Every structure is written in structure tokens, then in C-alpha cells.
Amino acid sequence: MTGFDQHLTITTRRLLLRPFGPRDADRVRAIIESGAQFLPPGVPGHPSSVPQWLSYGVHELWRSGQGIHLAMVAEGTIVGAISLFKTVWGAGTAEIGYGVHPFHRGRGYAPEAVGGLTEWALTKGGLRRVELRANLDNTASLRVAEKAGFTREGLLRGAGVEEDGPHDLVVFGLLARDLAMGPPTMNGRGFGTGVRLESERLILRPFTGTDAKDVFQAVDGDPEINRWMPWADGYDLQRAYDWCTKFAHGDSVNGVQFAIEPKDGGRLAGSAGIQRADWERGDVEVGYWISPWARRRGFACEATRAVSTFLMMRGFHRVTLLAAVGNVASQAVARKAGFTEEGVLRGALPISGGISDAVLFSLLKGETL
């Protein structure tokens, strides 16, 4: 494959990504006249040039074989634009860029479009790597990359130039192998082994025997963990070691457990887990606990977002989270991570000393994390 399909069309939960064409003339004219700046590079500055641009100019990138510009359409309205460019077919790489109309920002359209086009590029498109670059001071763009499942890889100093001068660029990458995240099991249903995830401040990795001491010390005598986690009763170092070396790796089909490791060093920050994966229904549950020395730093929220993004990329459309009705801190994490409270499940959650009603939270694919 040495080029893109001229009629490439991609459908996500709320968006249609399609080539620009003559039918878009009135809408593009209105966008230009409004002064909104989000359309692909080369868009004319005067409305009279729009027909020529839609017939020829916007397709020049496609004709070169190095990329394609697509309209981002929601309910029949162009709400943004997204592009693949700088494609090197021999290396299987490309860069992705996007823009959203100011009136339609804050609705999660950008990560949904980026995720949809990237997933196509790394599967049907035949590429192995898609890169996204964002200004270091553009917090919104950095969050889009993270929500779309990209890994933050490095910083290019002064590599971006804006009207106010040079800007440092953060480089994000997503590889074809990231979509699977490890060898599949049971006809593709499973999380594989050795899965590692990254977020801005955290590495989520498999547990090892060296984590046993930190796990034990996090659980031993901590009132929060001992209040809500029934397995914490009578916890000792041997049980911690067995967990880190055996039980945390015991079921890669129905779930997977991650040790939360801060990138800036320091002790184990806690655990984030996936359980009860229903591959038929596309439904899965997440959970977490945070070590006493790592609390009040936003790690639980950041880890939950990273795990949820990974699950959406693996094909799940619904992620759930249960918190005991009295566990206000855990409920706050769920809300900050973008989950919606659905109701209370009676007697649904074992806690130390008995059974608790549980607040049910959910996150659907395409919703803003």
C-alpha cells in the first residue's frame, strides 16, 4: 500500500470522518467568514476561492500519497478537521493532526476522532506507528493525546513555531502493537502478559517480587485499606509476595493487575486492576488502591484514566467501577476520572467485616475522560 483511499470514511460513536467535497462549500464559506481557524493548512482566506479548494487544494496531500485531510462531521455539521500527513510508507509511519471548531470544543470530539483515525491507520491502513506532536504549553492538546491512548515519548526543544515565537513540542506515539498490548488468548480474548501502560506521571506495569515489601507496608496497619479491602485482614509479607509473584498474574483473560509506579521515582504508589471482563458484551470493571505515602497526588484518577483508555482501545465500550457507599474518597476519584454515577447496588461489595451497598459508576467509549 502506497497511498490512502480517496473515499476513506471512518465512523466512530458520534462522528463521521470523510473527505471534504463540493457539498461542503456553504459550510466552509461560513467558517472562513466567522474567522474560526481549524480547517486544514492551505484553506483559502477568501470565500470566493472555496470551490477551487474543495475540488483541488484540499486533496493535494492525498494526491502526493503522503496523507489525507478529512472532515469531522457530527449530526451533519462539520465540527472539525483531522489529517494524516508526513506518511513514510517504507517505514510504516505517519503523523496525525486535528482542529475543532471553537463552538464544538469541550465535547470530546478531538480524542474520539484521533482515536478512530489512528485505529484505522494501524489496522486497515497498514501503518505501524502514528505520531502526534503538541505544544508543551497546550494542556488541552496534551490531554487529547493521552485520552486517545498515545504514549508520551519525549520533548523537542523549540521545535514548534507560532506567531509568538518558538515552542517546545511534546512527542506522543502509538504503535500497532499497542492496540493488542500483548499476545492474545482465547481467540483474541485476553490481555496477554507483560502489559505496560504509561500516563503523564505514571508507569503501570506487572507486579514483581520486589514489590512485596511495599505492598505489605502499604496494607499493614493502614486504616483506609483495612476498612474497605476484605483481603487486608491478617495481611503479612508472605501473602504480599504470593500476590506479587502469582495471584496478580493468574488470569489474563478476565482481568489484569498493574503496579502503579511514579515516573519520578519513589516507592510503589498502589495498584490498578481490571476484572470481570465480559468480551461478548464489551463490558469490564476497574478498581484501585493507593499506598498511604502516595495519596492526595491524583495518582488514582490518572491511573484509572490510563486503564480505561487501554480498555477502550482493546474493544470494550463500557467500563464500570464500584465504590462502597461510605467510601467518599473512592467515589470522588471515579467522578474526577470522568465516570458517571448510575445508582446504588444493594449488598454488592464485600468490605472488611461484611457486605456494603455499592455506588455504580460507568464510562462509555467516546465519553470525555
Protein backbone atom coordinates (compact mmCIF):
# COMPACT_ATOMS: atom_id res chain seq x y z
CA MET A 1 0.00 0.00 0.00
CA THR A 2 1.47 3.37 -1.04
CA GLY A 3 -1.45 5.76 -0.62
CA PHE A 4 -4.80 6.41 1.02
CA ASP A 5 -8.24 5.59 -0.30
CA GLN A 6 -9.66 8.73 -1.93
CA HIS A 7 -13.07 7.93 -0.44
CA LEU A 8 -11.86 6.92 3.03
CA THR A 9 -14.73 7.09 5.53
CA ILE A 10 -14.49 6.22 9.23
CA THR A 11 -17.40 6.07 11.67
CA THR A 12 -16.94 6.48 15.43
CA ARG A 13 -19.57 6.64 18.17
CA ARG A 14 -20.61 10.22 17.34
CA LEU A 15 -18.56 11.23 14.34
CA LEU A 16 -18.20 10.62 10.63
CA LEU A 17 -14.69 11.22 9.27
CA ARG A 18 -14.84 11.72 5.49
CA PRO A 19 -13.08 13.64 2.70
CA PHE A 20 -14.05 17.25 2.03
CA GLY A 21 -16.05 17.83 -1.16
CA PRO A 22 -18.15 20.34 -3.15
CA ARG A 23 -21.15 19.76 -0.87
CA ASP A 24 -19.22 21.45 1.93
CA ALA A 25 -18.94 24.79 0.10
CA ASP A 26 -21.57 26.71 2.08
CA ARG A 27 -20.33 25.42 5.43
CA VAL A 28 -16.67 26.15 4.64
CA ARG A 29 -17.55 29.67 3.47
CA ALA A 30 -19.39 30.30 6.73
CA ILE A 31 -16.41 29.00 8.72
CA ILE A 32 -13.99 31.28 6.86
CA GLU A 33 -16.25 34.30 7.29
CA SER A 34 -16.57 33.60 11.04
CA GLY A 35 -12.80 33.70 11.47
CA ALA A 36 -12.66 30.23 13.06
CA GLN A 37 -9.29 28.62 12.41
CA PHE A 38 -9.32 24.84 12.49
CA LEU A 39 -9.52 23.74 8.84
CA PRO A 40 -6.54 22.02 7.13
CA PRO A 41 -3.50 24.04 6.04
CA GLY A 42 -4.00 25.84 2.73
CA VAL A 43 -7.64 26.74 3.29
CA PRO A 44 -8.32 29.97 1.33
CA GLY A 45 -8.67 33.24 3.15
CA HIS A 46 -11.48 34.46 0.92
CA PRO A 47 -14.84 32.67 0.46
CA SER A 48 -14.72 33.06 -3.33
CA SER A 49 -11.83 30.56 -3.53
CA VAL A 50 -13.65 27.84 -1.60
CA PRO A 51 -14.98 25.84 -4.62
CA GLN A 52 -11.49 25.52 -6.11
CA TRP A 53 -10.03 24.50 -2.75
CA LEU A 54 -12.69 21.83 -2.23
CA SER A 55 -12.19 20.46 -5.74
CA TYR A 56 -8.40 20.52 -5.79
CA GLY A 57 -6.44 22.14 -2.96
CA VAL A 58 -7.70 20.07 -0.03
CA HIS A 59 -6.90 16.87 -1.96
CA GLU A 60 -3.31 17.80 -2.83
CA LEU A 61 -1.99 15.93 0.20
CA TRP A 62 -3.86 12.80 -0.89
CA ARG A 63 -2.51 13.06 -4.45
CA SER A 64 1.03 13.22 -3.07
CA GLY A 65 0.46 9.87 -1.34
CA GLN A 66 1.71 11.32 1.95
CA GLY A 67 -1.59 11.77 3.74
CA ILE A 68 -5.23 12.79 3.68
CA HIS A 69 -7.46 15.55 5.10
CA LEU A 70 -10.84 14.51 6.49
CA ALA A 71 -13.83 16.49 7.70
CA MET A 72 -15.00 15.74 11.24
CA VAL A 73 -18.81 15.61 10.99
CA ALA A 74 -21.34 15.37 13.86
CA GLU A 75 -25.07 15.29 13.11
CA GLY A 76 -24.46 16.61 9.61
CA THR A 77 -22.32 19.55 10.74
CA ILE A 78 -18.58 19.98 10.19
CA VAL A 79 -17.25 20.33 13.73
CA GLY A 80 -13.58 19.90 12.95
CA ALA A 81 -10.91 18.51 10.65
CA ILE A 82 -8.34 15.77 11.08
CA SER A 83 -5.37 14.74 8.96
CA LEU A 84 -2.71 12.10 8.47
CA PHE A 85 0.46 13.55 6.96
CA LYS A 86 4.22 13.04 6.62
CA THR A 87 3.48 9.39 5.81
CA VAL A 88 6.54 7.27 5.08
CA TRP A 89 5.17 4.06 3.63
CA GLY A 90 8.51 2.24 3.71
CA ALA A 91 8.78 2.81 7.46
CA GLY A 92 5.03 2.49 8.12
CA THR A 93 4.83 5.82 9.97
CA ALA A 94 2.67 8.94 9.83
CA GLU A 95 1.80 11.99 11.90
CA ILE A 96 -1.72 12.99 12.92
CA GLY A 97 -3.14 16.48 13.43
CA TYR A 98 -6.57 17.92 14.06
CA GLY A 99 -8.62 21.04 14.74
CA VAL A 100 -12.06 21.52 16.30
CA HIS A 101 -14.43 24.45 15.71
CA PRO A 102 -14.43 26.73 18.81
CA PHE A 103 -18.21 26.27 19.17
CA HIS A 104 -17.80 22.49 19.46
CA ARG A 105 -14.83 22.19 21.82
CA GLY A 106 -15.07 20.56 25.22
CA ARG A 107 -17.29 17.72 23.97
CA GLY A 108 -14.60 15.07 23.49
CA TYR A 109 -14.72 15.20 19.67
CA ALA A 110 -10.93 15.54 19.29
CA PRO A 111 -9.88 12.38 21.20
CA GLU A 112 -12.74 10.44 19.60
CA ALA A 113 -11.62 11.45 16.10
CA VAL A 114 -7.92 10.93 16.84
CA GLY A 115 -8.63 7.50 18.31
CA GLY A 116 -10.81 6.47 15.36
CA LEU A 117 -8.42 7.56 12.63
CA THR A 118 -5.38 6.17 14.44
CA GLU A 119 -7.02 2.80 14.99
CA TRP A 120 -7.85 2.64 11.27
CA ALA A 121 -4.31 3.67 10.30
CA LEU A 122 -2.70 0.99 12.48
CA THR A 123 -5.00 -1.77 11.27
CA LYS A 124 -6.63 -1.39 7.86
CA GLY A 125 -4.30 1.45 6.89
CA GLY A 126 -1.23 -0.76 7.13
CA LEU A 127 0.87 1.60 9.26
CA ARG A 128 2.82 0.54 12.34
CA ARG A 129 3.29 3.91 14.09
CA VAL A 130 1.30 7.13 14.33
CA GLU A 131 2.86 10.18 15.95
CA LEU A 132 1.18 13.24 17.48
CA ARG A 133 3.01 16.43 18.44
CA ALA A 134 1.61 19.10 20.76
CA ASN A 135 2.94 22.33 22.24
CA LEU A 136 4.16 21.80 25.78
CA ASP A 137 2.01 24.71 26.98
CA ASN A 138 -1.13 23.46 25.19
CA THR A 139 -2.71 21.49 28.02
CA ALA A 140 -5.84 20.67 26.02
CA SER A 141 -3.85 19.05 23.20
CA LEU A 142 -1.74 17.08 25.65
CA ARG A 143 -4.91 15.70 27.21
CA VAL A 144 -6.32 14.77 23.78
CA ALA A 145 -3.23 12.66 23.07
CA GLU A 146 -3.48 10.91 26.43
CA LYS A 147 -7.23 10.28 26.10
CA ALA A 148 -6.68 8.80 22.64
CA GLY A 149 -4.25 6.25 24.12
CA PHE A 150 -0.94 7.74 22.94
CA THR A 151 2.26 7.35 24.97
CA ARG A 152 4.24 10.44 25.85
CA GLU A 153 7.73 9.79 24.47
CA GLY A 154 9.83 12.93 24.71
CA LEU A 155 10.31 16.67 24.27
CA LEU A 156 11.62 18.54 21.21
CA ARG A 157 13.03 21.85 22.36
CA GLY A 158 11.99 24.86 20.29
CA ALA A 159 10.68 22.61 17.51
CA GLY A 160 7.34 24.35 17.08
CA VAL A 161 6.97 27.90 15.79
CA GLU A 162 3.88 30.02 16.47
CA GLU A 163 3.15 33.71 15.98
CA ASP A 164 4.66 34.43 19.40
CA GLY A 165 7.85 32.51 18.66
CA PRO A 166 9.32 29.02 19.22
CA HIS A 167 7.57 26.44 21.41
CA ASP A 168 8.75 23.13 22.84
CA LEU A 169 6.86 20.16 21.39
CA VAL A 170 5.83 17.03 23.26
CA VAL A 171 6.06 13.91 21.08
CA PHE A 172 3.43 11.19 21.53
CA GLY A 173 3.39 7.84 19.74
CA LEU A 174 1.02 4.94 19.27
CA LEU A 175 2.19 1.64 17.76
CA ALA A 176 0.18 -1.08 16.07
CA ARG A 177 1.23 -3.49 18.81
CA ASP A 178 -0.22 -1.11 21.42
CA LEU A 179 -3.71 -1.94 20.16
CA ALA A 180 -3.26 -5.54 21.28
CA MET A 181 -0.96 -4.93 24.23
CA GLY A 182 0.44 -8.41 24.40
CA PRO A 183 -0.18 -11.89 22.97
CA PRO A 184 -3.93 -12.61 22.66
CA THR A 185 -5.54 -15.65 24.25
CA MET A 186 -8.81 -17.49 23.68
CA ASN A 187 -9.24 -16.42 20.04
CA GLY A 188 -8.16 -12.85 20.75
CA ARG A 189 -9.96 -12.52 24.08
CA GLY A 190 -7.42 -11.73 26.72
CA PHE A 191 -4.99 -9.12 27.91
CA GLY A 192 -1.82 -11.12 27.38
CA THR A 193 1.19 -10.91 29.67
CA GLY A 194 3.69 -8.17 30.32
CA VAL A 195 1.25 -5.33 29.61
CA ARG A 196 2.70 -1.89 30.41
CA LEU A 197 0.83 1.40 30.26
CA GLU A 198 2.08 4.96 30.66
CA SER A 199 0.47 8.26 31.59
CA GLU A 200 1.97 11.67 32.21
CA ARG A 201 3.39 10.80 35.63
CA LEU A 202 2.92 7.06 35.98
CA ILE A 203 4.04 3.69 34.65
CA LEU A 204 1.54 0.85 35.09
CA ARG A 205 3.39 -2.46 34.92
CA PRO A 206 3.15 -6.08 36.10
CA PHE A 207 3.90 -6.76 39.76
CA THR A 208 7.21 -8.43 40.64
CA GLY A 209 8.59 -10.00 43.79
CA THR A 210 10.50 -6.80 44.58
CA ASP A 211 7.15 -5.05 45.13
CA ALA A 212 6.19 -7.34 48.02
CA LYS A 213 7.71 -5.21 50.77
CA ASP A 214 5.97 -2.03 49.58
CA VAL A 215 2.66 -3.86 49.15
CA PHE A 216 2.87 -5.27 52.68
CA GLN A 217 3.82 -1.92 54.22
CA ALA A 218 1.00 -0.18 52.33
CA VAL A 219 -1.58 -2.60 53.72
CA ASP A 220 -0.16 -3.22 57.19
CA GLY A 221 -1.92 -1.01 59.69
CA ASP A 222 -3.37 1.41 57.13
CA PRO A 223 -6.91 2.27 58.30
CA GLU A 224 -8.26 3.06 54.83
CA ILE A 225 -7.15 -0.13 53.08
CA ASN A 226 -8.09 -2.24 56.10
CA ARG A 227 -11.54 -0.65 56.21
CA TRP A 228 -12.50 -1.24 52.59
CA MET A 229 -10.46 -4.23 51.39
CA PRO A 230 -11.61 -7.57 52.88
CA TRP A 231 -8.39 -9.31 51.83
CA ALA A 232 -6.35 -6.96 54.08
CA ASP A 233 -7.32 -8.76 57.30
CA GLY A 234 -4.28 -10.56 58.74
CA TYR A 235 -2.08 -9.50 55.82
CA ASP A 236 1.58 -10.44 56.07
CA LEU A 237 4.72 -10.31 53.95
CA GLN A 238 4.28 -13.86 52.63
CA ARG A 239 0.79 -13.06 51.31
CA ALA A 240 2.17 -9.90 49.73
CA TYR A 241 4.89 -11.91 47.98
CA ASP A 242 2.40 -14.53 46.78
CA TRP A 243 0.22 -11.77 45.36
CA CYS A 244 3.07 -10.04 43.53
CA THR A 245 4.55 -13.21 42.03
CA LYS A 246 1.49 -15.42 41.49
CA PHE A 247 -2.05 -14.19 42.03
CA ALA A 248 -1.58 -10.82 40.28
CA HIS A 249 -0.64 -12.78 37.13
CA GLY A 250 -3.15 -15.59 37.42
CA ASP A 251 -5.90 -14.60 34.96
CA SER A 252 -5.07 -12.67 31.80
CA VAL A 253 -8.46 -13.43 30.21
CA ASN A 254 -10.83 -11.96 32.78
CA GLY A 255 -8.52 -9.27 34.09
CA VAL A 256 -5.04 -7.93 34.73
CA GLN A 257 -3.35 -6.18 37.65
CA PHE A 258 -0.97 -3.23 37.41
CA ALA A 259 1.59 -1.94 39.89
CA ILE A 260 1.48 1.87 39.86
CA GLU A 261 4.99 3.29 39.65
CA PRO A 262 5.70 7.05 39.67
CA LYS A 263 7.99 8.11 36.82
CA ASP A 264 9.91 10.44 39.11
CA GLY A 265 10.96 7.55 41.31
CA GLY A 266 10.00 6.63 44.81
CA ARG A 267 8.04 3.75 46.27
CA LEU A 268 5.16 1.76 44.82
CA ALA A 269 2.14 4.08 44.55
CA GLY A 270 -0.54 1.39 44.61
CA SER A 271 -2.44 -0.96 42.34
CA ALA A 272 -4.91 -0.61 39.47
CA GLY A 273 -6.86 -3.66 38.41
CA ILE A 274 -9.14 -4.92 35.66
CA GLN A 275 -11.65 -7.65 36.50
CA ARG A 276 -14.80 -9.33 35.25
CA ALA A 277 -14.04 -8.68 31.60
CA ASP A 278 -17.08 -9.65 29.50
CA TRP A 279 -15.69 -9.88 25.98
CA GLU A 280 -19.09 -10.75 24.49
CA ARG A 281 -20.83 -7.65 25.87
CA GLY A 282 -17.80 -5.36 25.77
CA ASP A 283 -18.21 -4.63 29.49
CA VAL A 284 -15.43 -4.60 32.10
CA GLU A 285 -14.78 -3.38 35.65
CA VAL A 286 -11.81 -1.46 37.08
CA GLY A 287 -10.61 -0.89 40.63
CA TYR A 288 -7.66 0.59 42.53
CA TRP A 289 -5.99 1.24 45.85
CA ILE A 290 -3.29 3.79 46.64
CA SER A 291 -0.40 3.43 49.10
CA PRO A 292 -0.62 5.80 52.10
CA TRP A 293 2.56 7.65 51.07
CA ALA A 294 1.23 8.33 47.55
CA ARG A 295 -2.22 9.75 48.35
CA ARG A 296 -3.60 13.20 47.52
CA ARG A 297 -1.45 13.46 44.39
CA GLY A 298 -4.11 12.47 41.85
CA PHE A 299 -2.50 9.10 41.09
CA ALA A 300 -5.72 7.08 41.44
CA CYS A 301 -7.53 9.30 38.93
CA GLU A 302 -4.61 9.29 36.48
CA ALA A 303 -4.19 5.51 36.67
CA THR A 304 -7.93 4.94 36.21
CA ARG A 305 -7.93 7.14 33.12
CA ALA A 306 -4.95 5.29 31.64
CA VAL A 307 -6.50 1.87 32.26
CA SER A 308 -9.87 2.99 30.85
CA THR A 309 -8.23 4.31 27.68
CA PHE A 310 -6.40 1.00 27.27
CA LEU A 311 -9.68 -0.90 27.65
CA MET A 312 -11.43 1.22 25.03
CA MET A 313 -8.55 0.56 22.64
CA ARG A 314 -8.95 -3.17 23.33
CA GLY A 315 -12.56 -3.00 22.14
CA PHE A 316 -14.59 -2.53 25.32
CA HIS A 317 -17.36 0.04 25.08
CA ARG A 318 -18.32 0.21 28.78
CA VAL A 319 -16.07 0.40 31.85
CA THR A 320 -17.63 0.19 35.32
CA LEU A 321 -16.36 0.99 38.79
CA LEU A 322 -17.85 0.12 42.19
CA ALA A 323 -17.26 2.10 45.38
CA ALA A 324 -18.72 1.35 48.81
CA VAL A 325 -21.39 3.88 49.77
CA GLY A 326 -19.24 5.07 52.67
CA ASN A 327 -16.03 5.35 50.63
CA VAL A 328 -16.35 9.00 49.69
CA ALA A 329 -12.72 9.29 48.54
CA SER A 330 -13.10 6.45 46.03
CA GLN A 331 -16.32 7.95 44.70
CA ALA A 332 -14.53 11.28 44.18
CA VAL A 333 -11.82 9.53 42.15
CA ALA A 334 -14.46 7.98 39.88
CA ARG A 335 -16.07 11.35 39.20
CA LYS A 336 -12.75 13.09 38.55
CA ALA A 337 -11.84 10.31 36.11
CA GLY A 338 -14.95 11.11 34.07
CA PHE A 339 -17.24 8.33 35.25
CA THR A 340 -21.00 8.85 35.62
CA GLU A 341 -22.86 7.74 38.73
CA GLU A 342 -25.69 5.34 37.75
CA GLY A 343 -27.16 4.19 41.06
CA VAL A 344 -26.67 2.06 44.14
CA LEU A 345 -26.37 -1.72 44.06
CA ARG A 346 -27.66 -3.26 47.29
CA GLY A 347 -25.28 -5.61 49.11
CA ALA A 348 -22.97 -5.76 46.11
CA LEU A 349 -19.50 -5.17 47.55
CA PRO A 350 -17.57 -7.20 50.16
CA ILE A 351 -15.69 -4.97 52.60
CA SER A 352 -13.83 -5.71 55.81
CA GLY A 353 -16.32 -7.15 58.27
CA GLY A 354 -19.24 -7.65 55.93
CA ILE A 355 -21.07 -6.56 52.77
CA SER A 356 -21.77 -2.99 51.67
CA ASP A 357 -24.11 -1.32 49.23
CA ALA A 358 -22.08 -0.01 46.30
CA VAL A 359 -22.30 3.10 44.14
CA LEU A 360 -22.11 2.07 40.48
CA PHE A 361 -20.17 4.31 38.10
CA SER A 362 -19.67 3.84 34.35
CA LEU A 363 -17.70 5.28 31.45
CA LEU A 364 -18.75 4.68 27.84
CA LYS A 365 -16.48 4.67 24.82
CA GLY A 366 -16.21 8.12 23.33
CA GLU A 367 -17.08 9.95 26.53
CA THR A 368 -14.56 12.53 27.72
CA LEU A 369 -12.17 11.06 30.27
